[in-house]
Amino acid sequence: AGSEGGSRASARSNYLWKCATCHGDRGRGDGWTAWLFRL
């Protein structure tokens, strides 16, 4: 209902730029900043 035909590529891009540093490129929670800040 809230989706307007969004792009999987843009979601992946946002994930890599905003989330991957903590959650890791593949989402395993092994990003380098999480390790650095002991999160």
Full PDB file with SEQRES, HELIX, SHEET, SSBOND, CRYST1, ORIGX, SCALE, CONECT and MASTER records, all heavy atoms in Angstrom:
SEQRES   1 A   39  ALA GLY SER GLU GLY GLY SER ARG ALA SER ALA ARG SER          
SEQRES   2 A   39  ASN TYR LEU TRP LYS CYS ALA THR CYS HIS GLY ASP ARG          
SEQRES   3 A   39  GLY ARG GLY ASP GLY TRP THR ALA TRP LEU PHE ARG LEU          
HELIX    1 AA1 ARG A    8  ASN A   14  1                                   7    
HELIX    2 AA2 TYR A   15  CYS A   19  3                                   5    
HELIX    3 AA3 ALA A   20  HIS A   23  1                                   4    
HELIX    4 AA4 TRP A   32  LEU A   36  1                                   5    
CRYST1    1.000    1.000    1.000  90.00  90.00  90.00 P 1           1          
ORIGX1      1.000000  0.000000  0.000000        0.00000                         
ORIGX2      0.000000  1.000000  0.000000        0.00000                         
ORIGX3      0.000000  0.000000  1.000000        0.00000                         
SCALE1      1.000000  0.000000  0.000000        0.00000                         
SCALE2      0.000000  1.000000  0.000000        0.00000                         
SCALE3      0.000000  0.000000  1.000000        0.00000                         
ATOM      1  N   ALA A   1       0.822  -1.206   0.000  1.00  0.00           N  
ATOM      2  CA  ALA A   1       0.000   0.000   0.000  1.00  0.00           C  
ATOM      3  C   ALA A   1       0.855   1.256   0.000  1.00  0.00           C  
ATOM      4  O   ALA A   1       0.480   2.261  -0.583  1.00  0.00           O  
ATOM      5  CB  ALA A   1      -0.936   0.006   1.204  1.00  0.00           C  
ATOM      6  N   GLY A   2       2.021   1.202   0.638  1.00  0.00           N  
ATOM      7  CA  GLY A   2       2.877   2.373   0.712  1.00  0.00           C  
ATOM      8  C   GLY A   2       3.977   2.374  -0.313  1.00  0.00           C  
ATOM      9  O   GLY A   2       4.770   3.286  -0.373  1.00  0.00           O  
ATOM     10  N   SER A   3       4.056   1.353  -1.118  1.00  0.00           N  
ATOM     11  CA  SER A   3       5.125   1.243  -2.091  1.00  0.00           C  
ATOM     12  C   SER A   3       4.672   1.787  -3.435  1.00  0.00           C  
ATOM     13  O   SER A   3       3.600   1.483  -3.909  1.00  0.00           O  
ATOM     14  CB  SER A   3       5.532  -0.224  -2.241  1.00  0.00           C  
ATOM     15  OG  SER A   3       6.513  -0.338  -3.233  1.00  0.00           O  
ATOM     16  N   GLU A   4       5.503   2.592  -4.010  1.00  0.00           N  
ATOM     17  CA  GLU A   4       5.172   3.187  -5.303  1.00  0.00           C  
ATOM     18  C   GLU A   4       6.095   2.642  -6.376  1.00  0.00           C  
ATOM     19  O   GLU A   4       6.623   3.378  -7.196  1.00  0.00           O  
ATOM     20  CB  GLU A   4       5.293   4.704  -5.209  1.00  0.00           C  
ATOM     21  CG  GLU A   4       4.353   5.293  -4.183  1.00  0.00           C  
ATOM     22  CD  GLU A   4       4.688   6.730  -3.841  1.00  0.00           C  
ATOM     23  OE1 GLU A   4       5.652   7.274  -4.412  1.00  0.00           O  
ATOM     24  OE2 GLU A   4       3.985   7.301  -3.011  1.00  0.00           O  
ATOM     25  N   GLY A   5       6.305   1.332  -6.366  1.00  0.00           N  
ATOM     26  CA  GLY A   5       7.187   0.728  -7.368  1.00  0.00           C  
ATOM     27  C   GLY A   5       8.624   1.108  -7.140  1.00  0.00           C  
ATOM     28  O   GLY A   5       9.343   1.416  -8.066  1.00  0.00           O  
ATOM     29  N   GLY A   6       9.053   1.131  -5.874  1.00  0.00           N  
ATOM     30  CA  GLY A   6      10.396   1.557  -5.531  1.00  0.00           C  
ATOM     31  C   GLY A   6      11.456   0.663  -6.139  1.00  0.00           C  
ATOM     32  O   GLY A   6      11.188  -0.413  -6.643  1.00  0.00           O  
ATOM     33  N   SER A   7      12.655   1.112  -6.046  1.00  0.00           N  
ATOM     34  CA  SER A   7      13.758   0.413  -6.671  1.00  0.00           C  
ATOM     35  C   SER A   7      14.553  -0.385  -5.648  1.00  0.00           C  
ATOM     36  O   SER A   7      14.998   0.153  -4.643  1.00  0.00           O  
ATOM     37  CB  SER A   7      14.664   1.440  -7.339  1.00  0.00           C  
ATOM     38  OG  SER A   7      15.887   0.868  -7.673  1.00  0.00           O  
ATOM     39  N   ARG A   8      14.730  -1.673  -5.937  1.00  0.00           N  
ATOM     40  CA  ARG A   8      15.563  -2.520  -5.081  1.00  0.00           C  
ATOM     41  C   ARG A   8      17.005  -2.022  -5.117  1.00  0.00           C  
ATOM     42  O   ARG A   8      17.702  -2.081  -4.114  1.00  0.00           O  
ATOM     43  CB  ARG A   8      15.462  -3.967  -5.558  1.00  0.00           C  
ATOM     44  CG  ARG A   8      16.242  -4.941  -4.709  1.00  0.00           C  
ATOM     45  CD  ARG A   8      15.953  -6.373  -5.142  1.00  0.00           C  
ATOM     46  NE  ARG A   8      16.884  -7.295  -4.593  1.00  0.00           N  
ATOM     47  CZ  ARG A   8      16.734  -7.898  -3.425  1.00  0.00           C  
ATOM     48  NH1 ARG A   8      15.675  -7.656  -2.710  1.00  0.00           N  
ATOM     49  NH2 ARG A   8      17.635  -8.748  -2.977  1.00  0.00           N  
ATOM     50  N   ALA A   9      17.414  -1.490  -6.265  1.00  0.00           N  
ATOM     51  CA  ALA A   9      18.783  -0.987  -6.381  1.00  0.00           C  
ATOM     52  C   ALA A   9      18.985   0.221  -5.473  1.00  0.00           C  
ATOM     53  O   ALA A   9      20.035   0.348  -4.836  1.00  0.00           O  
ATOM     54  CB  ALA A   9      19.092  -0.629  -7.826  1.00  0.00           C  
ATOM     55  N   SER A  10      18.011   1.108  -5.372  1.00  0.00           N  
ATOM     56  CA  SER A  10      18.189   2.273  -4.506  1.00  0.00           C  
ATOM     57  C   SER A  10      18.152   1.863  -3.043  1.00  0.00           C  
ATOM     58  O   SER A  10      18.840   2.447  -2.213  1.00  0.00           O  
ATOM     59  CB  SER A  10      17.143   3.347  -4.796  1.00  0.00           C  
ATOM     60  OG  SER A  10      15.853   2.910  -4.441  1.00  0.00           O  
ATOM     61  N   ALA A  11      17.340   0.856  -2.696  1.00  0.00           N  
ATOM     62  CA  ALA A  11      17.327   0.360  -1.317  1.00  0.00           C  
ATOM     63  C   ALA A  11      18.683  -0.243  -0.976  1.00  0.00           C  
ATOM     64  O   ALA A  11      19.219  -0.012   0.110  1.00  0.00           O  
ATOM     65  CB  ALA A  11      16.213  -0.673  -1.141  1.00  0.00           C  
ATOM     66  N   ARG A  12      19.245  -0.999  -1.889  1.00  0.00           N  
ATOM     67  CA  ARG A  12      20.567  -1.595  -1.664  1.00  0.00           C  
ATOM     68  C   ARG A  12      21.627  -0.505  -1.533  1.00  0.00           C  
ATOM     69  O   ARG A  12      22.515  -0.581  -0.686  1.00  0.00           O  
ATOM     70  CB  ARG A  12      20.915  -2.544  -2.803  1.00  0.00           C  
ATOM     71  CG  ARG A  12      22.212  -3.265  -2.590  1.00  0.00           C  
ATOM     72  CD  ARG A  12      22.352  -4.414  -3.584  1.00  0.00           C  
ATOM     73  NE  ARG A  12      23.466  -5.244  -3.233  1.00  0.00           N  
ATOM     74  CZ  ARG A  12      24.723  -5.013  -3.627  1.00  0.00           C  
ATOM     75  NH1 ARG A  12      24.991  -3.994  -4.383  1.00  0.00           N  
ATOM     76  NH2 ARG A  12      25.694  -5.814  -3.251  1.00  0.00           N  
ATOM     77  N   SER A  13      21.531   0.502  -2.370  1.00  0.00           N  
ATOM     78  CA  SER A  13      22.465   1.615  -2.299  1.00  0.00           C  
ATOM     79  C   SER A  13      22.364   2.323  -0.943  1.00  0.00           C  
ATOM     80  O   SER A  13      23.383   2.599  -0.301  1.00  0.00           O  
ATOM     81  CB  SER A  13      22.175   2.602  -3.429  1.00  0.00           C  
ATOM     82  OG  SER A  13      22.940   3.773  -3.283  1.00  0.00           O  
ATOM     83  N   ASN A  14      21.146   2.600  -0.505  1.00  0.00           N  
ATOM     84  CA  ASN A  14      20.962   3.239   0.804  1.00  0.00           C  
ATOM     85  C   ASN A  14      21.502   2.353   1.912  1.00  0.00           C  
ATOM     86  O   ASN A  14      22.116   2.836   2.859  1.00  0.00           O  
ATOM     87  CB  ASN A  14      19.484   3.565   1.047  1.00  0.00           C  
ATOM     88  CG  ASN A  14      19.040   4.786   0.285  1.00  0.00           C  
ATOM     89  OD1 ASN A  14      19.833   5.670  -0.007  1.00  0.00           O  
ATOM     90  ND2 ASN A  14      17.766   4.832  -0.036  1.00  0.00           N  
ATOM     91  N   TYR A  15      21.273   1.056   1.808  1.00  0.00           N  
ATOM     92  CA  TYR A  15      21.781   0.135   2.822  1.00  0.00           C  
ATOM     93  C   TYR A  15      23.314   0.206   2.876  1.00  0.00           C  
ATOM     94  O   TYR A  15      23.895   0.322   3.951  1.00  0.00           O  
ATOM     95  CB  TYR A  15      21.333  -1.312   2.539  1.00  0.00           C  
ATOM     96  CG  TYR A  15      21.909  -2.266   3.544  1.00  0.00           C  
ATOM     97  CD1 TYR A  15      21.283  -2.476   4.762  1.00  0.00           C  
ATOM     98  CD2 TYR A  15      23.110  -2.924   3.297  1.00  0.00           C  
ATOM     99  CE1 TYR A  15      21.836  -3.321   5.713  1.00  0.00           C  
ATOM    100  CE2 TYR A  15      23.673  -3.765   4.241  1.00  0.00           C  
ATOM    101  CZ  TYR A  15      23.033  -3.960   5.444  1.00  0.00           C  
ATOM    102  OH  TYR A  15      23.591  -4.783   6.385  1.00  0.00           O  
ATOM    103  N   LEU A  16      23.949   0.125   1.716  1.00  0.00           N  
ATOM    104  CA  LEU A  16      25.414   0.131   1.696  1.00  0.00           C  
ATOM    105  C   LEU A  16      25.985   1.440   2.234  1.00  0.00           C  
ATOM    106  O   LEU A  16      27.010   1.443   2.916  1.00  0.00           O  
ATOM    107  CB  LEU A  16      25.933  -0.142   0.288  1.00  0.00           C  
ATOM    108  CG  LEU A  16      25.757  -1.584  -0.192  1.00  0.00           C  
ATOM    109  CD1 LEU A  16      26.175  -1.718  -1.646  1.00  0.00           C  
ATOM    110  CD2 LEU A  16      26.538  -2.557   0.675  1.00  0.00           C  
ATOM    111  N   TRP A  17      25.334   2.552   1.968  1.00  0.00           N  
ATOM    112  CA  TRP A  17      25.860   3.842   2.406  1.00  0.00           C  
ATOM    113  C   TRP A  17      25.491   4.180   3.844  1.00  0.00           C  
ATOM    114  O   TRP A  17      26.257   4.842   4.531  1.00  0.00           O  
ATOM    115  CB  TRP A  17      25.401   4.959   1.479  1.00  0.00           C  
ATOM    116  CG  TRP A  17      26.120   4.909   0.181  1.00  0.00           C  
ATOM    117  CD1 TRP A  17      25.625   4.494  -1.016  1.00  0.00           C  
ATOM    118  CD2 TRP A  17      27.485   5.250  -0.070  1.00  0.00           C  
ATOM    119  NE1 TRP A  17      26.590   4.548  -1.981  1.00  0.00           N  
ATOM    120  CE2 TRP A  17      27.741   5.018  -1.434  1.00  0.00           C  
ATOM    121  CE3 TRP A  17      28.516   5.731   0.728  1.00  0.00           C  
ATOM    122  CZ2 TRP A  17      28.981   5.251  -2.000  1.00  0.00           C  
ATOM    123  CZ3 TRP A  17      29.749   5.969   0.150  1.00  0.00           C  
ATOM    124  CH2 TRP A  17      29.972   5.722  -1.208  1.00  0.00           C  
ATOM    125  N   LYS A  18      24.329   3.757   4.297  1.00  0.00           N  
ATOM    126  CA  LYS A  18      23.874   4.162   5.631  1.00  0.00           C  
ATOM    127  C   LYS A  18      24.020   3.062   6.678  1.00  0.00           C  
ATOM    128  O   LYS A  18      24.215   3.352   7.841  1.00  0.00           O  
ATOM    129  CB  LYS A  18      22.397   4.575   5.594  1.00  0.00           C  
ATOM    130  CG  LYS A  18      22.021   5.560   4.522  1.00  0.00           C  
ATOM    131  CD  LYS A  18      22.398   6.957   4.899  1.00  0.00           C  
ATOM    132  CE  LYS A  18      21.812   7.930   3.893  1.00  0.00           C  
ATOM    133  NZ  LYS A  18      22.726   8.949   3.507  1.00  0.00           N  
ATOM    134  N   CYS A  19      23.867   1.808   6.298  1.00  0.00           N  
ATOM    135  CA  CYS A  19      23.737   0.720   7.274  1.00  0.00           C  
ATOM    136  C   CYS A  19      24.947  -0.203   7.341  1.00  0.00           C  
ATOM    137  O   CYS A  19      25.234  -0.773   8.399  1.00  0.00           O  
ATOM    138  CB  CYS A  19      22.506  -0.133   6.941  1.00  0.00           C  
ATOM    139  SG  CYS A  19      21.000   0.813   6.651  1.00  0.00           S  
ATOM    140  N   ALA A  20      25.619  -0.392   6.232  1.00  0.00           N  
ATOM    141  CA  ALA A  20      26.648  -1.438   6.143  1.00  0.00           C  
ATOM    142  C   ALA A  20      27.845  -1.198   7.056  1.00  0.00           C  
ATOM    143  O   ALA A  20      28.499  -2.163   7.463  1.00  0.00           O  
ATOM    144  CB  ALA A  20      27.111  -1.605   4.702  1.00  0.00           C  
ATOM    145  N   THR A  21      28.143   0.039   7.393  1.00  0.00           N  
ATOM    146  CA  THR A  21      29.301   0.261   8.251  1.00  0.00           C  
ATOM    147  C   THR A  21      29.128  -0.400   9.612  1.00  0.00           C  
ATOM    148  O   THR A  21      30.102  -0.833  10.217  1.00  0.00           O  
ATOM    149  CB  THR A  21      29.615   1.757   8.434  1.00  0.00           C  
ATOM    150  OG1 THR A  21      28.468   2.409   8.951  1.00  0.00           O  
ATOM    151  CG2 THR A  21      30.050   2.381   7.125  1.00  0.00           C  
ATOM    152  N   CYS A  22      27.888  -0.497  10.080  1.00  0.00           N  
ATOM    153  CA  CYS A  22      27.630  -1.195  11.361  1.00  0.00           C  
ATOM    154  C   CYS A  22      27.125  -2.620  11.138  1.00  0.00           C  
ATOM    155  O   CYS A  22      27.569  -3.549  11.799  1.00  0.00           O  
ATOM    156  CB  CYS A  22      26.601  -0.438  12.192  1.00  0.00           C  
ATOM    157  SG  CYS A  22      27.242   1.098  12.891  1.00  0.00           S  
ATOM    158  N   HIS A  23      26.172  -2.791  10.231  1.00  0.00           N  
ATOM    159  CA  HIS A  23      25.527  -4.088  10.049  1.00  0.00           C  
ATOM    160  C   HIS A  23      26.268  -4.989   9.070  1.00  0.00           C  
ATOM    161  O   HIS A  23      25.912  -6.160   8.934  1.00  0.00           O  
ATOM    162  CB  HIS A  23      24.075  -3.894   9.588  1.00  0.00           C  
ATOM    163  CG  HIS A  23      23.222  -3.252  10.633  1.00  0.00           C  
ATOM    164  ND1 HIS A  23      22.704  -3.947  11.693  1.00  0.00           N  
ATOM    165  CD2 HIS A  23      22.821  -1.977  10.785  1.00  0.00           C  
ATOM    166  CE1 HIS A  23      22.010  -3.121  12.457  1.00  0.00           C  
ATOM    167  NE2 HIS A  23      22.064  -1.914  11.936  1.00  0.00           N  
ATOM    168  N   GLY A  24      27.285  -4.470   8.384  1.00  0.00           N  
ATOM    169  CA  GLY A  24      28.054  -5.268   7.439  1.00  0.00           C  
ATOM    170  C   GLY A  24      27.411  -5.276   6.061  1.00  0.00           C  
ATOM    171  O   GLY A  24      26.203  -5.112   5.923  1.00  0.00           O  
ATOM    172  N   ASP A  25      28.220  -5.466   5.039  1.00  0.00           N  
ATOM    173  CA  ASP A  25      27.738  -5.453   3.656  1.00  0.00           C  
ATOM    174  C   ASP A  25      26.659  -6.499   3.404  1.00  0.00           C  
ATOM    175  O   ASP A  25      25.773  -6.301   2.602  1.00  0.00           O  
ATOM    176  CB  ASP A  25      28.892  -5.669   2.669  1.00  0.00           C  
ATOM    177  CG  ASP A  25      29.831  -4.474   2.609  1.00  0.00           C  
ATOM    178  OD1 ASP A  25      29.454  -3.395   3.108  1.00  0.00           O  
ATOM    179  OD2 ASP A  25      30.931  -4.620   2.062  1.00  0.00           O  
ATOM    180  N   ARG A  26      26.751  -7.620   4.088  1.00  0.00           N  
ATOM    181  CA  ARG A  26      25.784  -8.702   3.891  1.00  0.00           C  
ATOM    182  C   ARG A  26      24.784  -8.822   5.035  1.00  0.00           C  
ATOM    183  O   ARG A  26      24.006  -9.761   5.086  1.00  0.00           O  
ATOM    184  CB  ARG A  26      26.511 -10.014   3.677  1.00  0.00           C  
ATOM    185  CG  ARG A  26      27.403  -9.972   2.443  1.00  0.00           C  
ATOM    186  CD  ARG A  26      27.899 -11.347   2.086  1.00  0.00           C  
ATOM    187  NE  ARG A  26      28.889 -11.285   1.038  1.00  0.00           N  
ATOM    188  CZ  ARG A  26      28.611 -11.268  -0.263  1.00  0.00           C  
ATOM    189  NH1 ARG A  26      27.379 -11.281  -0.662  1.00  0.00           N  
ATOM    190  NH2 ARG A  26      29.577 -11.244  -1.149  1.00  0.00           N  
ATOM    191  N   GLY A  27      24.814  -7.849   5.974  1.00  0.00           N  
ATOM    192  CA  GLY A  27      23.821  -7.806   7.034  1.00  0.00           C  
ATOM    193  C   GLY A  27      24.083  -8.700   8.223  1.00  0.00           C  
ATOM    194  O   GLY A  27      23.184  -8.967   9.009  1.00  0.00           O  
ATOM    195  N   ARG A  28      25.314  -9.155   8.412  1.00  0.00           N  
ATOM    196  CA  ARG A  28      25.624 -10.095   9.490  1.00  0.00           C  
ATOM    197  C   ARG A  28      25.904  -9.415  10.837  1.00  0.00           C  
ATOM    198  O   ARG A  28      26.223 -10.079  11.805  1.00  0.00           O  
ATOM    199  CB  ARG A  28      26.827 -10.941   9.102  1.00  0.00           C  
ATOM    200  CG  ARG A  28      26.543 -11.852   7.944  1.00  0.00           C  
ATOM    201  CD  ARG A  28      27.716 -12.778   7.672  1.00  0.00           C  
ATOM    202  NE  ARG A  28      27.462 -13.525   6.474  1.00  0.00           N  
ATOM    203  CZ  ARG A  28      28.289 -13.572   5.440  1.00  0.00           C  
ATOM    204  NH1 ARG A  28      29.433 -12.941   5.472  1.00  0.00           N  
ATOM    205  NH2 ARG A  28      27.973 -14.270   4.369  1.00  0.00           N  
ATOM    206  N   GLY A  29      25.846  -8.088  10.871  1.00  0.00           N  
ATOM    207  CA  GLY A  29      26.146  -7.376  12.115  1.00  0.00           C  
ATOM    208  C   GLY A  29      27.629  -7.246  12.373  1.00  0.00           C  
ATOM    209  O   GLY A  29      28.051  -6.999  13.499  1.00  0.00           O  
ATOM    210  N   ASP A  30      28.434  -7.404  11.321  1.00  0.00           N  
ATOM    211  CA  ASP A  30      29.888  -7.410  11.479  1.00  0.00           C  
ATOM    212  C   ASP A  30      30.575  -6.211  10.833  1.00  0.00           C  
ATOM    213  O   ASP A  30      31.700  -6.300  10.382  1.00  0.00           O  
ATOM    214  CB  ASP A  30      30.465  -8.702  10.901  1.00  0.00           C  
ATOM    215  CG  ASP A  30      30.114  -8.893   9.422  1.00  0.00           C  
ATOM    216  OD1 ASP A  30      29.358  -8.078   8.854  1.00  0.00           O  
ATOM    217  OD2 ASP A  30      30.588  -9.881   8.838  1.00  0.00           O  
ATOM    218  N   GLY A  31      29.892  -5.079  10.812  1.00  0.00           N  
ATOM    219  CA  GLY A  31      30.489  -3.874  10.239  1.00  0.00           C  
ATOM    220  C   GLY A  31      31.627  -3.348  11.104  1.00  0.00           C  
ATOM    221  O   GLY A  31      31.682  -3.593  12.314  1.00  0.00           O  
ATOM    222  N   TRP A  32      32.504  -2.611  10.489  1.00  0.00           N  
ATOM    223  CA  TRP A  32      33.703  -2.176  11.201  1.00  0.00           C  
ATOM    224  C   TRP A  32      33.408  -1.130  12.265  1.00  0.00           C  
ATOM    225  O   TRP A  32      34.073  -1.100  13.297  1.00  0.00           O  
ATOM    226  CB  TRP A  32      34.763  -1.681  10.221  1.00  0.00           C  
ATOM    227  CG  TRP A  32      34.454  -0.375   9.565  1.00  0.00           C  
ATOM    228  CD1 TRP A  32      33.748  -0.182   8.424  1.00  0.00           C  
ATOM    229  CD2 TRP A  32      34.832   0.924  10.023  1.00  0.00           C  
ATOM    230  NE1 TRP A  32      33.655   1.147   8.136  1.00  0.00           N  
ATOM    231  CE2 TRP A  32      34.317   1.850   9.106  1.00  0.00           C  
ATOM    232  CE3 TRP A  32      35.548   1.400  11.111  1.00  0.00           C  
ATOM    233  CZ2 TRP A  32      34.496   3.222   9.243  1.00  0.00           C  
ATOM    234  CZ3 TRP A  32      35.722   2.767  11.250  1.00  0.00           C  
ATOM    235  CH2 TRP A  32      35.209   3.656  10.320  1.00  0.00           C  
ATOM    236  N   THR A  33      32.410  -0.261  12.089  1.00  0.00           N  
ATOM    237  CA  THR A  33      32.150   0.736  13.131  1.00  0.00           C  
ATOM    238  C   THR A  33      31.496   0.107  14.352  1.00  0.00           C  
ATOM    239  O   THR A  33      31.716   0.565  15.467  1.00  0.00           O  
ATOM    240  CB  THR A  33      31.289   1.902  12.615  1.00  0.00           C  
ATOM    241  OG1 THR A  33      30.084   1.400  12.050  1.00  0.00           O  
ATOM    242  CG2 THR A  33      32.026   2.732  11.591  1.00  0.00           C  
ATOM    243  N   ALA A  34      30.699  -0.920  14.156  1.00  0.00           N  
ATOM    244  CA  ALA A  34      30.123  -1.614  15.311  1.00  0.00           C  
ATOM    245  C   ALA A  34      31.245  -2.234  16.132  1.00  0.00           C  
ATOM    246  O   ALA A  34      31.243  -2.172  17.368  1.00  0.00           O  
ATOM    247  CB  ALA A  34      29.135  -2.680  14.850  1.00  0.00           C  
ATOM    248  N   TRP A  35      32.211  -2.821  15.456  1.00  0.00           N  
ATOM    249  CA  TRP A  35      33.355  -3.396  16.154  1.00  0.00           C  
ATOM    250  C   TRP A  35      34.146  -2.303  16.869  1.00  0.00           C  
ATOM    251  O   TRP A  35      34.511  -2.446  18.029  1.00  0.00           O  
ATOM    252  CB  TRP A  35      34.259  -4.135  15.159  1.00  0.00           C  
ATOM    253  CG  TRP A  35      35.530  -4.613  15.793  1.00  0.00           C  
ATOM    254  CD1 TRP A  35      35.715  -5.758  16.499  1.00  0.00           C  
ATOM    255  CD2 TRP A  35      36.789  -3.934  15.786  1.00  0.00           C  
ATOM    256  NE1 TRP A  35      37.011  -5.838  16.941  1.00  0.00           N  
ATOM    257  CE2 TRP A  35      37.694  -4.728  16.511  1.00  0.00           C  
ATOM    258  CE3 TRP A  35      37.233  -2.737  15.240  1.00  0.00           C  
ATOM    259  CZ2 TRP A  35      39.009  -4.351  16.704  1.00  0.00           C  
ATOM    260  CZ3 TRP A  35      38.548  -2.377  15.432  1.00  0.00           C  
ATOM    261  CH2 TRP A  35      39.427  -3.184  16.160  1.00  0.00           C  
ATOM    262  N   LEU A  36      34.379  -1.193  16.178  1.00  0.00           N  
ATOM    263  CA  LEU A  36      35.174  -0.109  16.730  1.00  0.00           C  
ATOM    264  C   LEU A  36      34.535   0.459  17.997  1.00  0.00           C  
ATOM    265  O   LEU A  36      35.208   0.713  18.981  1.00  0.00           O  
ATOM    266  CB  LEU A  36      35.352   0.998  15.684  1.00  0.00           C  
ATOM    267  CG  LEU A  36      36.166   2.209  16.103  1.00  0.00           C  
ATOM    268  CD1 LEU A  36      37.617   1.819  16.296  1.00  0.00           C  
ATOM    269  CD2 LEU A  36      36.060   3.291  15.036  1.00  0.00           C  
ATOM    270  N   PHE A  37      33.223   0.648  17.976  1.00  0.00           N  
ATOM    271  CA  PHE A  37      32.523   1.231  19.126  1.00  0.00           C  
ATOM    272  C   PHE A  37      31.976   0.176  20.080  1.00  0.00           C  
ATOM    273  O   PHE A  37      31.232   0.498  20.997  1.00  0.00           O  
ATOM    274  CB  PHE A  37      31.405   2.148  18.646  1.00  0.00           C  
ATOM    275  CG  PHE A  37      31.909   3.353  17.911  1.00  0.00           C  
ATOM    276  CD1 PHE A  37      31.573   3.541  16.585  1.00  0.00           C  
ATOM    277  CD2 PHE A  37      32.729   4.270  18.529  1.00  0.00           C  
ATOM    278  CE1 PHE A  37      32.045   4.652  15.891  1.00  0.00           C  
ATOM    279  CE2 PHE A  37      33.210   5.369  17.840  1.00  0.00           C  
ATOM    280  CZ  PHE A  37      32.864   5.570  16.524  1.00  0.00           C  
ATOM    281  N   ARG A  38      32.334  -1.090  19.831  1.00  0.00           N  
ATOM    282  CA  ARG A  38      31.907  -2.206  20.677  1.00  0.00           C  
ATOM    283  C   ARG A  38      30.386  -2.281  20.803  1.00  0.00           C  
ATOM    284  O   ARG A  38      29.847  -2.490  21.882  1.00  0.00           O  
ATOM    285  CB  ARG A  38      32.567  -2.123  22.041  1.00  0.00           C  
ATOM    286  CG  ARG A  38      34.064  -2.255  21.959  1.00  0.00           C  
ATOM    287  CD  ARG A  38      34.696  -2.196  23.298  1.00  0.00           C  
ATOM    288  NE  ARG A  38      36.131  -2.313  23.139  1.00  0.00           N  
ATOM    289  CZ  ARG A  38      36.905  -2.906  23.996  1.00  0.00           C  
ATOM    290  NH1 ARG A  38      36.400  -3.444  25.073  1.00  0.00           N  
ATOM    291  NH2 ARG A  38      38.191  -2.968  23.791  1.00  0.00           N  
ATOM    292  N   LEU A  39      29.724  -2.103  19.669  1.00  0.00           N  
ATOM    293  CA  LEU A  39      28.270  -2.219  19.615  1.00  0.00           C  
ATOM    294  C   LEU A  39      27.898  -3.577  19.046  1.00  0.00           C  
ATOM    295  O   LEU A  39      28.632  -4.136  18.234  1.00  0.00           O  
ATOM    296  CB  LEU A  39      27.674  -1.128  18.724  1.00  0.00           C  
ATOM    297  CG  LEU A  39      27.875   0.308  19.191  1.00  0.00           C  
ATOM    298  CD1 LEU A  39      27.391   1.273  18.119  1.00  0.00           C  
ATOM    299  CD2 LEU A  39      27.141   0.551  20.490  1.00  0.00           C  
TER     300      LEU A  39                                                      
MASTER        0    0    0    4    0    0    0    6  299    1    0    3          
END                                                                             
